[in-house]
Amino acid sequence: MTQDYLKSSLETHLFFCRIMKEHALFIEAGFPCKNNSWIKRAALFREQFERLLSDVVRLSDERISCPVLTSSEIVTEFTLQAERQTSFLSGIPINTNLTQIEQILSCEFRRPDNRQNLQAIHQINIRSLQLLNEFIQFKENILNEVSAGRLFTFNYPLLVEHILREARLYRSAIDNIINDRPISCEELYGTEAFWNQIMMEHALFIRGLLDPSEEELINTAADFAEDYKRLLAQAKTQDAAATRELTGKTLDETLKYRDFKASGTQGILNRKIASIILPLLADHVLREANHYIRILKCIHVE
């Protein structure tokens, strides 16, 4: 195990572990009171991912790259306020101390790494795989029960499928790190297709969760969904050179989409936008756009 192993592990967990704990919160908040056992199970996952993230944050200062830290994929300027508002509105506790610590992380590699630190992150990787396997099974169970008409949730079935795919991506990323499997060019472009699908579905969810009075925002969200749908269709028919050009177009589109999400997050936090979107969900999809922008920049310059 090397410093690259440590850095890659920490950067992956800092982004995805927070995403997973928020998935658990959205699931928890989406069940009616009748489904108390499901609510408790979701709460347990939220707590477990929060503890995992706490262990990751403790190791991360001065050990992660500046592009990751400055991308606003770990936390944004809105995250802390979004957590506080969401906790107040839902009654679900959120450890905002983690966010405040992450806001002051440094990316300068000044801390010496030793065998104990490497072993600690390896144990976190193993723990995360076990927890992800259980969480993936939980999400699959929700989909199966909802499809069978035995369970109700205010979350769209597509949203549950959507967060299930993200959990599988997280699991695959950690498995690749543990087994020292480098990412090929084909896999990079596969990642691009994955996130284009995610971005398209974000637009569909935003469109469906906005109040009907927000016609202009609904239409803008629908336009973004169509844009990503076209990008996905074009990617299936491109050769290698055209695919590279398409990545540039996707980056431009996602930068505009990021700005739309940031404006929407601010509007929801300031109660200027009528919707049934939890403030933390708005910040959540903004962070995913920021993460994707960093990936696209890496692909585009290769």
C-alpha atoms as a PDB file:
ATOM      1  CA  MET A   1       0.000   0.000   0.000  1.00  0.00           C
ATOM      2  CA  THR A   2       1.306   3.453  -1.014  1.00  0.00           C
ATOM      3  CA  GLN A   3       0.471   7.116  -0.601  1.00  0.00           C
ATOM      4  CA  ASP A   4      -1.550   6.913  -3.852  1.00  0.00           C
ATOM      5  CA  TYR A   5      -3.638   4.178  -2.267  1.00  0.00           C
ATOM      6  CA  LEU A   6      -4.294   6.396   0.732  1.00  0.00           C
ATOM      7  CA  LYS A   7      -5.103   9.477  -1.349  1.00  0.00           C
ATOM      8  CA  SER A   8      -7.399   7.639  -3.788  1.00  0.00           C
ATOM      9  CA  SER A   9      -9.233   5.949  -0.938  1.00  0.00           C
ATOM     10  CA  LEU A  10      -9.730   9.153   1.043  1.00  0.00           C
ATOM     11  CA  GLU A  11     -10.907  11.168  -1.970  1.00  0.00           C
ATOM     12  CA  THR A  12     -13.389   8.481  -2.992  1.00  0.00           C
ATOM     13  CA  HIS A  13     -14.822   8.169   0.510  1.00  0.00           C
ATOM     14  CA  LEU A  14     -15.013  11.915   1.130  1.00  0.00           C
ATOM     15  CA  PHE A  15     -17.354  12.271  -1.836  1.00  0.00           C
ATOM     16  CA  PHE A  16     -19.305   9.019  -1.865  1.00  0.00           C
ATOM     17  CA  CYS A  17     -19.643   8.325   1.840  1.00  0.00           C
ATOM     18  CA  ARG A  18     -21.407  11.662   2.335  1.00  0.00           C
ATOM     19  CA  ILE A  19     -23.596  10.881  -0.678  1.00  0.00           C
ATOM     20  CA  MET A  20     -24.553   7.511   0.862  1.00  0.00           C
ATOM     21  CA  LYS A  21     -25.432   8.917   4.274  1.00  0.00           C
ATOM     22  CA  GLU A  22     -27.671  11.433   2.525  1.00  0.00           C
ATOM     23  CA  HIS A  23     -29.285   8.676   0.469  1.00  0.00           C
ATOM     24  CA  ALA A  24     -30.158   7.004   3.752  1.00  0.00           C
ATOM     25  CA  LEU A  25     -31.600  10.270   5.056  1.00  0.00           C
ATOM     26  CA  PHE A  26     -33.741  10.782   1.938  1.00  0.00           C
ATOM     27  CA  ILE A  27     -35.018   7.209   2.232  1.00  0.00           C
ATOM     28  CA  GLU A  28     -35.719   7.713   5.944  1.00  0.00           C
ATOM     29  CA  ALA A  29     -37.582  10.973   5.340  1.00  0.00           C
ATOM     30  CA  GLY A  30     -39.593   9.470   2.478  1.00  0.00           C
ATOM     31  CA  PHE A  31     -41.392   6.738   4.417  1.00  0.00           C
ATOM     32  CA  PRO A  32     -44.761   7.350   6.088  1.00  0.00           C
ATOM     33  CA  CYS A  33     -44.935   6.740   9.854  1.00  0.00           C
ATOM     34  CA  LYS A  34     -46.584   3.358   9.258  1.00  0.00           C
ATOM     35  CA  ASN A  35     -43.299   1.957   7.947  1.00  0.00           C
ATOM     36  CA  ASN A  36     -41.421   2.395  11.222  1.00  0.00           C
ATOM     37  CA  SER A  37     -39.174  -0.630  10.761  1.00  0.00           C
ATOM     38  CA  TRP A  38     -38.017   0.647   7.380  1.00  0.00           C
ATOM     39  CA  ILE A  39     -37.422   4.107   8.856  1.00  0.00           C
ATOM     40  CA  LYS A  40     -35.274   2.622  11.625  1.00  0.00           C
ATOM     41  CA  ARG A  41     -33.265   0.592   9.131  1.00  0.00           C
ATOM     42  CA  ALA A  42     -32.608   3.668   6.978  1.00  0.00           C
ATOM     43  CA  ALA A  43     -31.612   5.632  10.103  1.00  0.00           C
ATOM     44  CA  LEU A  44     -29.129   2.919  11.039  1.00  0.00           C
ATOM     45  CA  PHE A  45     -27.483   3.143   7.609  1.00  0.00           C
ATOM     46  CA  ARG A  46     -27.345   6.938   7.935  1.00  0.00           C
ATOM     47  CA  GLU A  47     -25.585   6.604  11.292  1.00  0.00           C
ATOM     48  CA  GLN A  48     -23.159   3.967  10.005  1.00  0.00           C
ATOM     49  CA  PHE A  49     -22.136   6.016   6.976  1.00  0.00           C
ATOM     50  CA  GLU A  50     -21.780   9.075   9.187  1.00  0.00           C
ATOM     51  CA  ARG A  51     -19.391   7.197  11.472  1.00  0.00           C
ATOM     52  CA  LEU A  52     -17.456   5.955   8.448  1.00  0.00           C
ATOM     53  CA  LEU A  53     -17.214   9.489   7.081  1.00  0.00           C
ATOM     54  CA  SER A  54     -16.025  10.730  10.469  1.00  0.00           C
ATOM     55  CA  ASP A  55     -13.151   8.227  10.381  1.00  0.00           C
ATOM     56  CA  VAL A  56     -12.270   9.304   6.842  1.00  0.00           C
ATOM     57  CA  VAL A  57     -12.316  13.015   7.676  1.00  0.00           C
ATOM     58  CA  ARG A  58     -10.008  12.398  10.629  1.00  0.00           C
ATOM     59  CA  LEU A  59      -7.350  11.043   8.234  1.00  0.00           C
ATOM     60  CA  SER A  60      -7.871  13.484   5.362  1.00  0.00           C
ATOM     61  CA  ASP A  61      -6.250  16.763   6.328  1.00  0.00           C
ATOM     62  CA  GLU A  62      -3.163  17.453   4.169  1.00  0.00           C
ATOM     63  CA  ARG A  63      -3.618  14.116   2.382  1.00  0.00           C
ATOM     64  CA  ILE A  64      -5.959  14.872  -0.544  1.00  0.00           C
ATOM     65  CA  SER A  65      -5.354  16.617  -3.855  1.00  0.00           C
ATOM     66  CA  CYS A  66      -6.168  20.281  -4.409  1.00  0.00           C
ATOM     67  CA  PRO A  67      -8.419  19.635  -7.468  1.00  0.00           C
ATOM     68  CA  VAL A  68     -10.685  17.473  -5.301  1.00  0.00           C
ATOM     69  CA  LEU A  69     -10.696  19.859  -2.371  1.00  0.00           C
ATOM     70  CA  THR A  70     -11.389  22.931  -4.510  1.00  0.00           C
ATOM     71  CA  SER A  71     -14.036  21.267  -6.712  1.00  0.00           C
ATOM     72  CA  SER A  72     -16.828  21.788  -4.133  1.00  0.00           C
ATOM     73  CA  GLU A  73     -17.767  18.117  -4.498  1.00  0.00           C
ATOM     74  CA  ILE A  74     -17.040  17.374  -0.833  1.00  0.00           C
ATOM     75  CA  VAL A  75     -18.972  20.333   0.574  1.00  0.00           C
ATOM     76  CA  THR A  76     -20.296  23.520  -1.015  1.00  0.00           C
ATOM     77  CA  GLU A  77     -20.908  26.977   0.350  1.00  0.00           C
ATOM     78  CA  PHE A  78     -24.508  25.852   0.955  1.00  0.00           C
ATOM     79  CA  THR A  79     -23.978  22.461   2.634  1.00  0.00           C
ATOM     80  CA  LEU A  80     -23.936  23.559   6.271  1.00  0.00           C
ATOM     81  CA  GLN A  81     -27.064  25.703   5.962  1.00  0.00           C
ATOM     82  CA  ALA A  82     -28.783  22.953   3.944  1.00  0.00           C
ATOM     83  CA  GLU A  83     -28.034  20.404   6.668  1.00  0.00           C
ATOM     84  CA  ARG A  84     -29.344  22.667   9.411  1.00  0.00           C
ATOM     85  CA  GLN A  85     -32.553  23.461   7.541  1.00  0.00           C
ATOM     86  CA  THR A  86     -33.112  19.813   6.568  1.00  0.00           C
ATOM     87  CA  SER A  87     -32.586  18.622  10.143  1.00  0.00           C
ATOM     88  CA  PHE A  88     -35.081  21.235  11.390  1.00  0.00           C
ATOM     89  CA  LEU A  89     -37.675  20.369   8.737  1.00  0.00           C
ATOM     90  CA  SER A  90     -37.364  16.577   8.974  1.00  0.00           C
ATOM     91  CA  GLY A  91     -36.425  16.092  12.629  1.00  0.00           C
ATOM     92  CA  ILE A  92     -33.547  13.854  11.485  1.00  0.00           C
ATOM     93  CA  PRO A  93     -30.253  14.563  13.300  1.00  0.00           C
ATOM     94  CA  ILE A  94     -27.252  15.485  11.154  1.00  0.00           C
ATOM     95  CA  ASN A  95     -23.686  15.770  12.426  1.00  0.00           C
ATOM     96  CA  THR A  96     -22.841  19.218  11.071  1.00  0.00           C
ATOM     97  CA  ASN A  97     -19.457  19.127  12.831  1.00  0.00           C
ATOM     98  CA  LEU A  98     -18.189  16.934   9.991  1.00  0.00           C
ATOM     99  CA  THR A  99     -19.114  19.598   7.464  1.00  0.00           C
ATOM    100  CA  GLN A 100     -17.385  22.312   9.477  1.00  0.00           C
ATOM    101  CA  ILE A 101     -14.207  20.212   9.686  1.00  0.00           C
ATOM    102  CA  GLU A 102     -14.309  19.487   5.954  1.00  0.00           C
ATOM    103  CA  GLN A 103     -14.595  23.205   5.232  1.00  0.00           C
ATOM    104  CA  ILE A 104     -11.109  23.765   6.679  1.00  0.00           C
ATOM    105  CA  LEU A 105      -9.292  20.729   5.262  1.00  0.00           C
ATOM    106  CA  SER A 106      -5.944  21.438   3.620  1.00  0.00           C
ATOM    107  CA  CYS A 107      -4.717  19.775   0.425  1.00  0.00           C
ATOM    108  CA  GLU A 108      -1.008  20.286   1.030  1.00  0.00           C
ATOM    109  CA  PHE A 109       0.855  16.996   1.423  1.00  0.00           C
ATOM    110  CA  ARG A 110       2.804  17.761   4.567  1.00  0.00           C
ATOM    111  CA  ARG A 111       1.784  14.931   6.881  1.00  0.00           C
ATOM    112  CA  PRO A 112       4.026  11.857   6.847  1.00  0.00           C
ATOM    113  CA  ASP A 113       2.195   8.608   6.271  1.00  0.00           C
ATOM    114  CA  ASN A 114       3.081   5.482   8.139  1.00  0.00           C
ATOM    115  CA  ARG A 115       2.004   1.887   8.128  1.00  0.00           C
ATOM    116  CA  GLN A 116      -0.595   2.586  10.808  1.00  0.00           C
ATOM    117  CA  ASN A 117      -2.370   5.202   8.647  1.00  0.00           C
ATOM    118  CA  LEU A 118      -2.315   2.956   5.596  1.00  0.00           C
ATOM    119  CA  GLN A 119      -3.703   0.089   7.630  1.00  0.00           C
ATOM    120  CA  ALA A 120      -6.426   2.361   9.018  1.00  0.00           C
ATOM    121  CA  ILE A 121      -7.604   3.368   5.545  1.00  0.00           C
ATOM    122  CA  HIS A 122      -7.450  -0.236   4.367  1.00  0.00           C
ATOM    123  CA  GLN A 123      -9.769  -1.200   7.219  1.00  0.00           C
ATOM    124  CA  ILE A 124     -12.092   1.659   6.246  1.00  0.00           C
ATOM    125  CA  ASN A 125     -12.141   0.301   2.680  1.00  0.00           C
ATOM    126  CA  ILE A 126     -13.079  -3.163   3.905  1.00  0.00           C
ATOM    127  CA  ARG A 127     -15.768  -1.744   6.221  1.00  0.00           C
ATOM    128  CA  SER A 128     -17.208   0.336   3.402  1.00  0.00           C
ATOM    129  CA  LEU A 129     -17.556  -2.677   1.108  1.00  0.00           C
ATOM    130  CA  GLN A 130     -19.453  -4.634   3.734  1.00  0.00           C
ATOM    131  CA  LEU A 131     -21.692  -1.667   4.535  1.00  0.00           C
ATOM    132  CA  LEU A 132     -22.305  -0.971   0.837  1.00  0.00           C
ATOM    133  CA  ASN A 133     -23.294  -4.572   0.189  1.00  0.00           C
ATOM    134  CA  GLU A 134     -25.905  -4.300   2.938  1.00  0.00           C
ATOM    135  CA  PHE A 135     -27.102  -0.879   1.761  1.00  0.00           C
ATOM    136  CA  ILE A 136     -27.413  -2.060  -1.827  1.00  0.00           C
ATOM    137  CA  GLN A 137     -29.492  -5.009  -0.662  1.00  0.00           C
ATOM    138  CA  PHE A 138     -31.680  -2.631   1.365  1.00  0.00           C
ATOM    139  CA  LYS A 139     -32.311  -0.424  -1.675  1.00  0.00           C
ATOM    140  CA  GLU A 140     -33.070  -3.474  -3.816  1.00  0.00           C
ATOM    141  CA  ASN A 141     -35.568  -4.648  -1.191  1.00  0.00           C
ATOM    142  CA  ILE A 142     -37.285  -1.263  -1.249  1.00  0.00           C
ATOM    143  CA  LEU A 143     -37.644  -1.414  -5.039  1.00  0.00           C
ATOM    144  CA  ASN A 144     -38.994  -4.968  -4.902  1.00  0.00           C
ATOM    145  CA  GLU A 145     -41.522  -4.181  -2.162  1.00  0.00           C
ATOM    146  CA  VAL A 146     -42.697  -0.993  -3.869  1.00  0.00           C
ATOM    147  CA  SER A 147     -43.063  -2.829  -7.203  1.00  0.00           C
ATOM    148  CA  ALA A 148     -45.109  -5.527  -5.491  1.00  0.00           C
ATOM    149  CA  GLY A 149     -47.421  -2.962  -3.900  1.00  0.00           C
ATOM    150  CA  ARG A 150     -46.399  -3.916  -0.355  1.00  0.00           C
ATOM    151  CA  LEU A 151     -44.535  -0.694   0.500  1.00  0.00           C
ATOM    152  CA  PHE A 152     -45.069   3.022  -0.065  1.00  0.00           C
ATOM    153  CA  THR A 153     -42.483   5.781  -0.192  1.00  0.00           C
ATOM    154  CA  PHE A 154     -42.678   9.397  -1.276  1.00  0.00           C
ATOM    155  CA  ASN A 155     -39.458   8.812  -3.243  1.00  0.00           C
ATOM    156  CA  TYR A 156     -39.915   8.002  -6.919  1.00  0.00           C
ATOM    157  CA  PRO A 157     -39.076   4.375  -7.807  1.00  0.00           C
ATOM    158  CA  LEU A 158     -36.643   5.817 -10.378  1.00  0.00           C
ATOM    159  CA  LEU A 159     -34.959   7.800  -7.601  1.00  0.00           C
ATOM    160  CA  VAL A 160     -34.448   4.616  -5.577  1.00  0.00           C
ATOM    161  CA  GLU A 161     -33.022   2.906  -8.679  1.00  0.00           C
ATOM    162  CA  HIS A 162     -30.879   5.998  -9.285  1.00  0.00           C
ATOM    163  CA  ILE A 163     -29.291   5.945  -5.815  1.00  0.00           C
ATOM    164  CA  LEU A 164     -28.872   2.184  -6.093  1.00  0.00           C
ATOM    165  CA  ARG A 165     -26.690   2.669  -9.181  1.00  0.00           C
ATOM    166  CA  GLU A 166     -24.602   5.263  -7.342  1.00  0.00           C
ATOM    167  CA  ALA A 167     -24.034   2.842  -4.452  1.00  0.00           C
ATOM    168  CA  ARG A 168     -22.860   0.192  -6.909  1.00  0.00           C
ATOM    169  CA  LEU A 169     -20.472   2.705  -8.508  1.00  0.00           C
ATOM    170  CA  TYR A 170     -19.027   3.533  -5.078  1.00  0.00           C
ATOM    171  CA  ARG A 171     -18.566  -0.160  -4.321  1.00  0.00           C
ATOM    172  CA  SER A 172     -16.845  -0.711  -7.683  1.00  0.00           C
ATOM    173  CA  ALA A 173     -14.516   2.255  -7.110  1.00  0.00           C
ATOM    174  CA  ILE A 174     -13.372   0.964  -3.722  1.00  0.00           C
ATOM    175  CA  ASP A 175     -12.973  -2.569  -5.067  1.00  0.00           C
ATOM    176  CA  ASN A 176     -10.744  -1.212  -7.872  1.00  0.00           C
ATOM    177  CA  ILE A 177      -8.607   0.698  -5.368  1.00  0.00           C
ATOM    178  CA  ILE A 178      -8.172  -2.307  -3.085  1.00  0.00           C
ATOM    179  CA  ASN A 179      -7.185  -4.527  -6.001  1.00  0.00           C
ATOM    180  CA  ASP A 180      -4.984  -1.867  -7.654  1.00  0.00           C
ATOM    181  CA  ARG A 181      -6.906  -1.960 -10.931  1.00  0.00           C
ATOM    182  CA  PRO A 182      -6.151   1.127 -13.093  1.00  0.00           C
ATOM    183  CA  ILE A 183      -9.036   2.760 -14.943  1.00  0.00           C
ATOM    184  CA  SER A 184      -8.883   2.319 -18.735  1.00  0.00           C
ATOM    185  CA  CYS A 185      -9.975   4.895 -21.322  1.00  0.00           C
ATOM    186  CA  GLU A 186     -13.052   2.795 -22.067  1.00  0.00           C
ATOM    187  CA  GLU A 187     -14.001   2.867 -18.408  1.00  0.00           C
ATOM    188  CA  LEU A 188     -13.541   6.647 -18.294  1.00  0.00           C
ATOM    189  CA  TYR A 189     -15.993   7.096 -21.145  1.00  0.00           C
ATOM    190  CA  GLY A 190     -18.289   4.584 -19.454  1.00  0.00           C
ATOM    191  CA  THR A 191     -18.144   6.804 -16.390  1.00  0.00           C
ATOM    192  CA  GLU A 192     -19.131   9.729 -18.592  1.00  0.00           C
ATOM    193  CA  ALA A 193     -22.194   7.850 -19.820  1.00  0.00           C
ATOM    194  CA  PHE A 194     -23.052   6.918 -16.233  1.00  0.00           C
ATOM    195  CA  TRP A 195     -22.968  10.511 -15.033  1.00  0.00           C
ATOM    196  CA  ASN A 196     -24.843  11.819 -18.084  1.00  0.00           C
ATOM    197  CA  GLN A 197     -27.635   9.449 -17.118  1.00  0.00           C
ATOM    198  CA  ILE A 198     -27.455  10.676 -13.521  1.00  0.00           C
ATOM    199  CA  MET A 199     -27.560  14.320 -14.624  1.00  0.00           C
ATOM    200  CA  MET A 200     -30.548  13.654 -16.874  1.00  0.00           C
ATOM    201  CA  GLU A 201     -32.431  11.994 -14.036  1.00  0.00           C
ATOM    202  CA  HIS A 202     -31.601  14.857 -11.671  1.00  0.00           C
ATOM    203  CA  ALA A 203     -33.347  17.174 -14.127  1.00  0.00           C
ATOM    204  CA  LEU A 204     -36.375  14.885 -14.227  1.00  0.00           C
ATOM    205  CA  PHE A 205     -36.539  14.763 -10.421  1.00  0.00           C
ATOM    206  CA  ILE A 206     -36.172  18.540 -10.118  1.00  0.00           C
ATOM    207  CA  ARG A 207     -38.931  19.025 -12.678  1.00  0.00           C
ATOM    208  CA  GLY A 208     -41.227  16.682 -10.744  1.00  0.00           C
ATOM    209  CA  LEU A 209     -40.513  18.129  -7.291  1.00  0.00           C
ATOM    210  CA  LEU A 210     -40.933  21.801  -8.151  1.00  0.00           C
ATOM    211  CA  ASP A 211     -44.274  23.392  -7.347  1.00  0.00           C
ATOM    212  CA  PRO A 212     -46.502  23.618 -10.451  1.00  0.00           C
ATOM    213  CA  SER A 213     -46.378  27.416 -10.148  1.00  0.00           C
ATOM    214  CA  GLU A 214     -42.636  27.388 -10.958  1.00  0.00           C
ATOM    215  CA  GLU A 215     -43.262  27.081 -14.700  1.00  0.00           C
ATOM    216  CA  GLU A 216     -40.028  28.695 -15.856  1.00  0.00           C
ATOM    217  CA  LEU A 217     -37.839  26.483 -13.642  1.00  0.00           C
ATOM    218  CA  ILE A 218     -39.828  23.401 -14.632  1.00  0.00           C
ATOM    219  CA  ASN A 219     -39.275  24.172 -18.302  1.00  0.00           C
ATOM    220  CA  THR A 220     -35.555  24.792 -17.735  1.00  0.00           C
ATOM    221  CA  ALA A 221     -35.197  21.469 -15.888  1.00  0.00           C
ATOM    222  CA  ALA A 222     -37.033  19.713 -18.723  1.00  0.00           C
ATOM    223  CA  ASP A 223     -34.658  21.316 -21.250  1.00  0.00           C
ATOM    224  CA  PHE A 224     -31.620  20.029 -19.323  1.00  0.00           C
ATOM    225  CA  ALA A 225     -33.137  16.540 -19.270  1.00  0.00           C
ATOM    226  CA  GLU A 226     -33.510  16.643 -23.046  1.00  0.00           C
ATOM    227  CA  ASP A 227     -29.965  17.957 -23.495  1.00  0.00           C
ATOM    228  CA  TYR A 228     -28.477  15.033 -21.552  1.00  0.00           C
ATOM    229  CA  LYS A 229     -30.760  12.597 -23.341  1.00  0.00           C
ATOM    230  CA  ARG A 230     -29.309  13.833 -26.653  1.00  0.00           C
ATOM    231  CA  LEU A 231     -25.743  13.553 -25.311  1.00  0.00           C
ATOM    232  CA  LEU A 232     -26.393   9.951 -24.297  1.00  0.00           C
ATOM    233  CA  ALA A 233     -27.808   9.149 -27.735  1.00  0.00           C
ATOM    234  CA  GLN A 234     -24.899  10.820 -29.557  1.00  0.00           C
ATOM    235  CA  ALA A 235     -22.309   8.962 -27.466  1.00  0.00           C
ATOM    236  CA  LYS A 236     -23.637   5.635 -28.757  1.00  0.00           C
ATOM    237  CA  THR A 237     -22.823   6.510 -32.376  1.00  0.00           C
ATOM    238  CA  GLN A 238     -19.488   8.360 -32.045  1.00  0.00           C
ATOM    239  CA  ASP A 239     -15.992   7.192 -32.962  1.00  0.00           C
ATOM    240  CA  ALA A 240     -13.046   7.905 -30.625  1.00  0.00           C
ATOM    241  CA  ALA A 241     -12.249  11.362 -32.036  1.00  0.00           C
ATOM    242  CA  ALA A 242     -15.881  12.469 -31.997  1.00  0.00           C
ATOM    243  CA  THR A 243     -16.297  11.105 -28.499  1.00  0.00           C
ATOM    244  CA  ARG A 244     -13.494  13.374 -27.306  1.00  0.00           C
ATOM    245  CA  GLU A 245     -15.246  16.361 -28.861  1.00  0.00           C
ATOM    246  CA  LEU A 246     -18.503  15.277 -27.256  1.00  0.00           C
ATOM    247  CA  THR A 247     -16.785  15.320 -23.867  1.00  0.00           C
ATOM    248  CA  GLY A 248     -16.077  19.006 -24.387  1.00  0.00           C
ATOM    249  CA  LYS A 249     -19.743  19.638 -25.169  1.00  0.00           C
ATOM    250  CA  THR A 250     -20.756  17.656 -22.092  1.00  0.00           C
ATOM    251  CA  LEU A 251     -18.414  19.729 -19.935  1.00  0.00           C
ATOM    252  CA  ASP A 252     -19.930  22.967 -21.258  1.00  0.00           C
ATOM    253  CA  GLU A 253     -23.431  21.637 -20.634  1.00  0.00           C
ATOM    254  CA  THR A 254     -22.602  20.489 -17.114  1.00  0.00           C
ATOM    255  CA  LEU A 255     -21.037  23.832 -16.200  1.00  0.00           C
ATOM    256  CA  LYS A 256     -24.316  25.529 -17.159  1.00  0.00           C
ATOM    257  CA  TYR A 257     -26.274  22.864 -15.294  1.00  0.00           C
ATOM    258  CA  ARG A 258     -24.096  23.348 -12.203  1.00  0.00           C
ATOM    259  CA  ASP A 259     -24.950  27.055 -12.223  1.00  0.00           C
ATOM    260  CA  PHE A 260     -28.664  26.215 -12.503  1.00  0.00           C
ATOM    261  CA  LYS A 261     -28.396  23.840  -9.546  1.00  0.00           C
ATOM    262  CA  ALA A 262     -26.434  26.363  -7.463  1.00  0.00           C
ATOM    263  CA  SER A 263     -29.043  29.051  -8.136  1.00  0.00           C
ATOM    264  CA  GLY A 264     -31.800  26.582  -7.280  1.00  0.00           C
ATOM    265  CA  THR A 265     -30.110  25.532  -4.050  1.00  0.00           C
ATOM    266  CA  GLN A 266     -29.775  29.148  -2.980  1.00  0.00           C
ATOM    267  CA  GLY A 267     -33.394  29.820  -3.932  1.00  0.00           C
ATOM    268  CA  ILE A 268     -34.645  26.874  -1.883  1.00  0.00           C
ATOM    269  CA  LEU A 269     -32.526  27.852   1.135  1.00  0.00           C
ATOM    270  CA  ASN A 270     -33.814  31.436   0.940  1.00  0.00           C
ATOM    271  CA  ARG A 271     -37.413  30.260   0.436  1.00  0.00           C
ATOM    272  CA  LYS A 272     -37.597  31.959  -2.982  1.00  0.00           C
ATOM    273  CA  ILE A 273     -38.526  28.755  -4.837  1.00  0.00           C
ATOM    274  CA  ALA A 274     -41.693  26.783  -4.180  1.00  0.00           C
ATOM    275  CA  SER A 275     -41.031  23.033  -4.142  1.00  0.00           C
ATOM    276  CA  ILE A 276     -41.056  19.843  -2.089  1.00  0.00           C
ATOM    277  CA  ILE A 277     -37.273  19.563  -2.445  1.00  0.00           C
ATOM    278  CA  LEU A 278     -35.395  19.131   0.828  1.00  0.00           C
ATOM    279  CA  PRO A 279     -32.602  21.744   1.032  1.00  0.00           C
ATOM    280  CA  LEU A 280     -30.005  18.991   1.450  1.00  0.00           C
ATOM    281  CA  LEU A 281     -31.253  17.226  -1.684  1.00  0.00           C
ATOM    282  CA  ALA A 282     -30.674  20.439  -3.659  1.00  0.00           C
ATOM    283  CA  ASP A 283     -27.118  20.687  -2.305  1.00  0.00           C
ATOM    284  CA  HIS A 284     -26.618  16.944  -2.852  1.00  0.00           C
ATOM    285  CA  VAL A 285     -27.274  17.117  -6.613  1.00  0.00           C
ATOM    286  CA  LEU A 286     -25.114  20.254  -6.839  1.00  0.00           C
ATOM    287  CA  ARG A 287     -22.159  18.365  -5.321  1.00  0.00           C
ATOM    288  CA  GLU A 288     -22.655  15.538  -7.796  1.00  0.00           C
ATOM    289  CA  ALA A 289     -22.503  18.036 -10.671  1.00  0.00           C
ATOM    290  CA  ASN A 290     -19.274  19.460  -9.224  1.00  0.00           C
ATOM    291  CA  HIS A 291     -17.833  15.946  -8.965  1.00  0.00           C
ATOM    292  CA  TYR A 292     -18.757  15.221 -12.569  1.00  0.00           C
ATOM    293  CA  ILE A 293     -17.218  18.493 -13.790  1.00  0.00           C
ATOM    294  CA  ARG A 294     -13.888  17.497 -12.222  1.00  0.00           C
ATOM    295  CA  ILE A 295     -14.068  14.092 -13.944  1.00  0.00           C
ATOM    296  CA  LEU A 296     -14.890  15.703 -17.295  1.00  0.00           C
ATOM    297  CA  LYS A 297     -11.968  18.105 -16.986  1.00  0.00           C
ATOM    298  CA  CYS A 298      -9.644  15.156 -16.351  1.00  0.00           C
ATOM    299  CA  ILE A 299     -10.953  13.290 -19.412  1.00  0.00           C
ATOM    300  CA  HIS A 300     -10.912  16.385 -21.633  1.00  0.00           C
ATOM    301  CA  VAL A 301      -7.235  17.213 -21.047  1.00  0.00           C
ATOM    302  CA  GLU A 302      -5.930  13.663 -21.641  1.00  0.00           C
END
